[in-house]
Amino acid sequence: MSLGFVVIGGVAMAHAQPPAAGPTQAAALHSYKIKFSFEKPDGKRKITTTVVQATSTTEAQRQVKDLHHKVNIITIKRL
């Protein structure tokens, strides 16, 4: 930790700065095969399978749900 002094308008204030963070490890991307059903614009449901790249199963589900309307996840498998 480094300690410094700042002078603002004739008033000195001490401030501390935490050490610079080292390199952080990025979350690893994984491939997930997701089987799901969704509602088509005509109101009928369709079952399909897709593969997405995500850091977790939760993120993979979000990606699918962002692309389709009224999604029901059937299975998720990490590849």
N, C-alpha and C. Protein backbone atom coordinates (compact mmCIF):
# COMPACT_ATOMS: atom_id res chain seq x y z
N MET A 1 0.86 -1.17 0.00
CA MET A 1 0.00 0.00 0.00
C MET A 1 0.90 1.23 0.00
N SER A 2 0.56 2.21 -0.83
CA SER A 2 1.35 3.44 -0.86
C SER A 2 0.55 4.55 -0.18
N LEU A 3 1.27 5.47 0.43
CA LEU A 3 0.65 6.58 1.16
C LEU A 3 1.11 7.86 0.52
N GLY A 4 0.19 8.79 0.29
CA GLY A 4 0.56 10.05 -0.34
C GLY A 4 -0.18 11.20 0.33
N PHE A 5 0.23 12.41 -0.02
CA PHE A 5 -0.41 13.61 0.51
C PHE A 5 -0.93 14.44 -0.65
N VAL A 6 -2.11 15.00 -0.49
CA VAL A 6 -2.71 15.85 -1.50
C VAL A 6 -2.99 17.19 -0.85
N VAL A 7 -2.63 18.27 -1.54
CA VAL A 7 -2.91 19.61 -1.02
C VAL A 7 -3.98 20.24 -1.89
N ILE A 8 -5.13 20.56 -1.28
CA ILE A 8 -6.23 21.18 -2.00
C ILE A 8 -6.61 22.45 -1.25
N GLY A 9 -6.42 23.59 -1.90
CA GLY A 9 -6.80 24.86 -1.29
C GLY A 9 -6.11 25.12 0.04
N GLY A 10 -4.86 24.71 0.17
CA GLY A 10 -4.10 24.96 1.38
C GLY A 10 -4.34 23.94 2.47
N VAL A 11 -5.18 22.93 2.25
CA VAL A 11 -5.44 21.90 3.26
C VAL A 11 -4.80 20.60 2.78
N ALA A 12 -3.94 20.04 3.62
CA ALA A 12 -3.27 18.79 3.26
C ALA A 12 -4.10 17.62 3.74
N MET A 13 -4.28 16.64 2.87
CA MET A 13 -5.02 15.44 3.24
C MET A 13 -4.18 14.22 2.87
N ALA A 14 -4.16 13.24 3.74
CA ALA A 14 -3.45 12.00 3.44
C ALA A 14 -4.42 11.04 2.77
N HIS A 15 -3.92 10.29 1.82
CA HIS A 15 -4.76 9.27 1.20
C HIS A 15 -3.93 8.01 0.99
N ALA A 16 -4.59 6.90 1.03
CA ALA A 16 -3.92 5.62 0.84
C ALA A 16 -4.44 4.99 -0.44
N GLN A 17 -3.55 4.31 -1.13
CA GLN A 17 -3.93 3.64 -2.37
C GLN A 17 -3.59 2.17 -2.24
N PRO A 18 -4.55 1.29 -2.47
CA PRO A 18 -4.25 -0.14 -2.39
C PRO A 18 -3.28 -0.54 -3.49
N PRO A 19 -2.53 -1.60 -3.28
CA PRO A 19 -1.60 -2.03 -4.31
C PRO A 19 -2.34 -2.42 -5.59
N ALA A 20 -1.67 -2.26 -6.71
CA ALA A 20 -2.28 -2.61 -7.99
C ALA A 20 -2.59 -4.11 -8.01
N ALA A 21 -3.74 -4.42 -8.51
CA ALA A 21 -4.15 -5.83 -8.57
C ALA A 21 -3.32 -6.55 -9.62
N GLY A 22 -3.01 -7.78 -9.33
CA GLY A 22 -2.27 -8.60 -10.28
C GLY A 22 -3.19 -9.04 -11.40
N PRO A 23 -2.67 -9.83 -12.31
CA PRO A 23 -3.52 -10.29 -13.41
C PRO A 23 -4.65 -11.16 -12.88
N THR A 24 -5.83 -10.93 -13.40
CA THR A 24 -6.98 -11.72 -12.98
C THR A 24 -7.20 -12.84 -13.99
N GLN A 25 -7.71 -13.93 -13.50
CA GLN A 25 -7.97 -15.06 -14.38
C GLN A 25 -9.36 -14.91 -14.97
N ALA A 26 -9.43 -14.92 -16.29
CA ALA A 26 -10.72 -14.81 -16.96
C ALA A 26 -11.49 -16.12 -16.79
N ALA A 27 -12.80 -15.98 -16.70
CA ALA A 27 -13.64 -17.18 -16.58
C ALA A 27 -13.56 -17.97 -17.88
N ALA A 28 -13.42 -19.26 -17.75
CA ALA A 28 -13.27 -20.12 -18.93
C ALA A 28 -14.61 -20.29 -19.63
N LEU A 29 -14.59 -20.19 -20.95
CA LEU A 29 -15.79 -20.44 -21.73
C LEU A 29 -15.92 -21.94 -21.99
N HIS A 30 -17.13 -22.42 -21.91
CA HIS A 30 -17.42 -23.82 -22.20
C HIS A 30 -18.52 -23.86 -23.25
N SER A 31 -18.60 -24.97 -23.94
CA SER A 31 -19.69 -25.18 -24.90
C SER A 31 -20.79 -25.97 -24.19
N TYR A 32 -22.02 -25.53 -24.38
CA TYR A 32 -23.18 -26.21 -23.80
C TYR A 32 -24.17 -26.55 -24.90
N LYS A 33 -24.61 -27.79 -24.93
CA LYS A 33 -25.64 -28.23 -25.86
C LYS A 33 -26.96 -28.16 -25.11
N ILE A 34 -27.88 -27.34 -25.61
CA ILE A 34 -29.14 -27.10 -24.91
C ILE A 34 -30.30 -27.54 -25.80
N LYS A 35 -31.13 -28.42 -25.26
CA LYS A 35 -32.36 -28.83 -25.92
C LYS A 35 -33.48 -28.06 -25.23
N PHE A 36 -34.32 -27.39 -26.01
CA PHE A 36 -35.36 -26.56 -25.42
C PHE A 36 -36.56 -26.47 -26.35
N SER A 37 -37.67 -26.05 -25.78
CA SER A 37 -38.87 -25.76 -26.59
C SER A 37 -39.14 -24.27 -26.47
N PHE A 38 -39.76 -23.73 -27.51
CA PHE A 38 -40.12 -22.32 -27.49
C PHE A 38 -41.38 -22.11 -28.31
N GLU A 39 -42.02 -20.97 -28.09
CA GLU A 39 -43.26 -20.66 -28.80
C GLU A 39 -42.93 -19.86 -30.06
N LYS A 40 -43.42 -20.35 -31.19
CA LYS A 40 -43.22 -19.66 -32.47
C LYS A 40 -44.26 -18.54 -32.59
N PRO A 41 -44.05 -17.61 -33.53
CA PRO A 41 -45.00 -16.50 -33.70
C PRO A 41 -46.44 -16.95 -33.98
N ASP A 42 -46.61 -18.14 -34.58
CA ASP A 42 -47.97 -18.62 -34.86
C ASP A 42 -48.62 -19.28 -33.65
N GLY A 43 -47.92 -19.29 -32.50
CA GLY A 43 -48.48 -19.85 -31.27
C GLY A 43 -48.13 -21.30 -31.03
N LYS A 44 -47.59 -21.97 -32.05
CA LYS A 44 -47.21 -23.38 -31.89
C LYS A 44 -45.85 -23.47 -31.21
N ARG A 45 -45.62 -24.59 -30.53
CA ARG A 45 -44.33 -24.79 -29.87
C ARG A 45 -43.43 -25.65 -30.74
N LYS A 46 -42.14 -25.42 -30.62
CA LYS A 46 -41.16 -26.18 -31.38
C LYS A 46 -40.05 -26.61 -30.43
N ILE A 47 -39.55 -27.84 -30.61
CA ILE A 47 -38.41 -28.33 -29.83
C ILE A 47 -37.19 -28.30 -30.73
N THR A 48 -36.11 -27.75 -30.23
CA THR A 48 -34.87 -27.66 -31.01
C THR A 48 -33.67 -27.78 -30.09
N THR A 49 -32.50 -27.94 -30.69
CA THR A 49 -31.25 -28.05 -29.94
C THR A 49 -30.26 -27.04 -30.51
N THR A 50 -29.49 -26.43 -29.64
CA THR A 50 -28.46 -25.49 -30.07
C THR A 50 -27.24 -25.63 -29.19
N VAL A 51 -26.11 -25.14 -29.67
CA VAL A 51 -24.87 -25.13 -28.89
C VAL A 51 -24.48 -23.67 -28.67
N VAL A 52 -24.19 -23.32 -27.42
CA VAL A 52 -23.77 -21.95 -27.09
C VAL A 52 -22.47 -21.99 -26.31
N GLN A 53 -21.73 -20.89 -26.38
CA GLN A 53 -20.50 -20.72 -25.61
C GLN A 53 -20.84 -19.83 -24.42
N ALA A 54 -20.55 -20.30 -23.21
CA ALA A 54 -20.86 -19.53 -22.01
C ALA A 54 -19.94 -19.95 -20.87
N THR A 55 -19.91 -19.13 -19.82
CA THR A 55 -19.08 -19.41 -18.65
C THR A 55 -19.78 -20.32 -17.65
N SER A 56 -21.11 -20.44 -17.76
CA SER A 56 -21.87 -21.28 -16.83
C SER A 56 -23.17 -21.73 -17.49
N THR A 57 -23.83 -22.70 -16.87
CA THR A 57 -25.11 -23.15 -17.41
C THR A 57 -26.16 -22.04 -17.31
N THR A 58 -26.08 -21.24 -16.26
CA THR A 58 -27.02 -20.13 -16.11
C THR A 58 -26.87 -19.14 -17.25
N GLU A 59 -25.63 -18.79 -17.58
CA GLU A 59 -25.38 -17.86 -18.68
C GLU A 59 -25.84 -18.47 -20.01
N ALA A 60 -25.63 -19.76 -20.19
CA ALA A 60 -26.07 -20.44 -21.42
C ALA A 60 -27.59 -20.35 -21.56
N GLN A 61 -28.31 -20.57 -20.46
CA GLN A 61 -29.77 -20.47 -20.48
C GLN A 61 -30.22 -19.06 -20.82
N ARG A 62 -29.54 -18.06 -20.27
CA ARG A 62 -29.88 -16.66 -20.57
C ARG A 62 -29.75 -16.37 -22.05
N GLN A 63 -28.68 -16.89 -22.66
CA GLN A 63 -28.47 -16.65 -24.08
C GLN A 63 -29.63 -17.21 -24.90
N VAL A 64 -30.07 -18.42 -24.57
CA VAL A 64 -31.18 -19.04 -25.30
C VAL A 64 -32.47 -18.26 -25.06
N LYS A 65 -32.73 -17.89 -23.82
CA LYS A 65 -33.97 -17.18 -23.49
C LYS A 65 -34.02 -15.78 -24.10
N ASP A 66 -32.85 -15.18 -24.34
CA ASP A 66 -32.81 -13.86 -24.99
C ASP A 66 -33.17 -13.95 -26.47
N LEU A 67 -33.01 -15.12 -27.07
CA LEU A 67 -33.24 -15.27 -28.51
C LEU A 67 -34.64 -15.77 -28.87
N HIS A 68 -35.34 -16.39 -27.94
CA HIS A 68 -36.63 -17.01 -28.25
C HIS A 68 -37.69 -16.59 -27.24
N HIS A 69 -38.95 -16.80 -27.61
CA HIS A 69 -40.09 -16.41 -26.79
C HIS A 69 -40.64 -17.62 -26.04
N LYS A 70 -40.92 -17.46 -24.76
CA LYS A 70 -41.49 -18.52 -23.90
C LYS A 70 -40.69 -19.81 -24.00
N VAL A 71 -39.47 -19.77 -23.50
CA VAL A 71 -38.55 -20.91 -23.58
C VAL A 71 -38.72 -21.83 -22.38
N ASN A 72 -38.71 -23.14 -22.65
CA ASN A 72 -38.63 -24.16 -21.61
C ASN A 72 -37.39 -24.99 -21.89
N ILE A 73 -36.44 -24.97 -20.96
CA ILE A 73 -35.21 -25.75 -21.12
C ILE A 73 -35.54 -27.22 -20.83
N ILE A 74 -35.11 -28.11 -21.71
CA ILE A 74 -35.35 -29.54 -21.52
C ILE A 74 -34.09 -30.20 -20.96
N THR A 75 -32.96 -30.04 -21.64
CA THR A 75 -31.70 -30.59 -21.14
C THR A 75 -30.56 -29.63 -21.45
N ILE A 76 -29.52 -29.68 -20.60
CA ILE A 76 -28.28 -28.93 -20.82
C ILE A 76 -27.14 -29.91 -20.62
N LYS A 77 -26.24 -29.96 -21.59
CA LYS A 77 -25.09 -30.85 -21.49
C LYS A 77 -23.83 -30.06 -21.84
N ARG A 78 -22.85 -30.10 -20.94
CA ARG A 78 -21.57 -29.43 -21.22
C ARG A 78 -20.76 -30.32 -22.15
N LEU A 79 -20.28 -29.75 -23.23
CA LEU A 79 -19.51 -30.52 -24.22
C LEU A 79 -18.03 -30.47 -23.92
